[in-house]
Protein backbone atom coordinates (compact mmCIF):
# COMPACT_ATOMS: atom_id res chain seq x y z
CA MET A 1 44.16 -198.85 1.54
CA ALA A 2 44.90 -202.56 1.32
CA GLN A 3 48.38 -203.86 0.74
CA GLY A 4 48.30 -205.95 -2.42
CA GLY A 5 51.66 -207.64 -2.00
CA SER A 6 55.22 -207.34 -0.94
CA THR A 7 57.48 -204.92 -2.74
CA MET A 8 60.45 -207.12 -1.87
CA GLY A 9 61.21 -210.34 -3.73
CA GLU A 10 61.93 -213.64 -2.07
CA GLU A 11 64.96 -213.87 0.16
CA PRO A 12 67.89 -215.56 -1.57
CA THR A 13 68.93 -219.05 -0.53
CA TRP A 14 72.33 -219.76 1.00
CA ALA A 15 73.54 -221.17 -2.32
CA GLU A 16 72.53 -217.99 -4.15
CA LEU A 17 74.19 -215.84 -1.51
CA LEU A 18 77.43 -217.85 -1.74
CA LEU A 19 77.39 -217.73 -5.53
CA THR A 20 76.85 -213.97 -5.47
CA PHE A 21 79.62 -213.55 -2.91
CA PHE A 22 82.10 -215.56 -4.99
CA LEU A 23 81.20 -213.71 -8.18
CA VAL A 24 81.57 -210.34 -6.47
CA ALA A 25 84.90 -211.42 -4.93
CA ALA A 26 86.19 -212.86 -8.21
CA VAL A 27 86.00 -209.60 -10.17
CA PRO A 28 88.52 -207.58 -8.11
CA THR A 29 90.70 -210.68 -7.70
CA VAL A 30 90.94 -211.21 -11.45
CA LEU A 31 91.41 -207.52 -12.21
CA GLY A 32 93.95 -207.07 -9.41
CA GLY A 33 95.85 -210.18 -10.48
CA ALA A 34 95.98 -208.96 -14.07
CA ALA A 35 97.26 -205.57 -12.90
CA VAL A 36 99.99 -207.15 -10.76
CA VAL A 37 101.11 -209.50 -13.54
CA SER A 38 101.16 -206.58 -15.99
CA LEU A 39 103.22 -204.41 -13.65
CA VAL A 40 105.71 -207.20 -12.97
CA GLY A 41 106.02 -207.92 -16.69
CA LEU A 42 106.52 -204.27 -17.56
CA THR A 43 109.13 -203.91 -14.81
CA MET A 44 111.04 -206.94 -16.09
CA TRP A 45 110.86 -205.61 -19.66
CA VAL A 46 112.06 -202.12 -18.69
CA THR A 47 114.94 -203.37 -16.53
CA ALA A 48 116.12 -206.09 -18.97
CA PRO A 49 118.85 -203.92 -20.57
CA LEU A 50 120.22 -203.01 -17.14
CA ARG A 51 120.33 -206.66 -16.07
CA ARG A 52 122.01 -207.59 -19.37
CA ARG A 53 124.72 -204.94 -18.85
CA ARG A 54 125.37 -206.11 -15.29
CA ARG A 55 125.65 -209.72 -16.42
CA GLU A 56 128.13 -208.80 -19.19
CA ARG A 57 130.29 -206.84 -16.73
CA LYS A 58 130.23 -209.73 -14.26
CA ASP A 59 131.20 -212.24 -16.98
CA ARG A 60 134.10 -210.04 -18.14
CA ALA A 61 135.38 -209.66 -14.58
CA ALA A 62 135.25 -213.44 -14.08
CA ARG A 63 137.22 -214.05 -17.31
CA VAL A 64 139.99 -211.60 -16.29
CA ARG A 65 140.72 -213.50 -13.08
């Protein structure tokens, strides 16, 4: 039985490998960055009333002195 051809395609060039690497690395970076920014934003939003109360108490204490 004669082999008609290779079942594998051509090997990728260095440029193609680098492009693939950067694209594969970019996806988790973008998703992870979005998750971190979302968590920080949600934390700031949830704790805003607490920070506001602390600031009011601190301002009142400074005025009494």
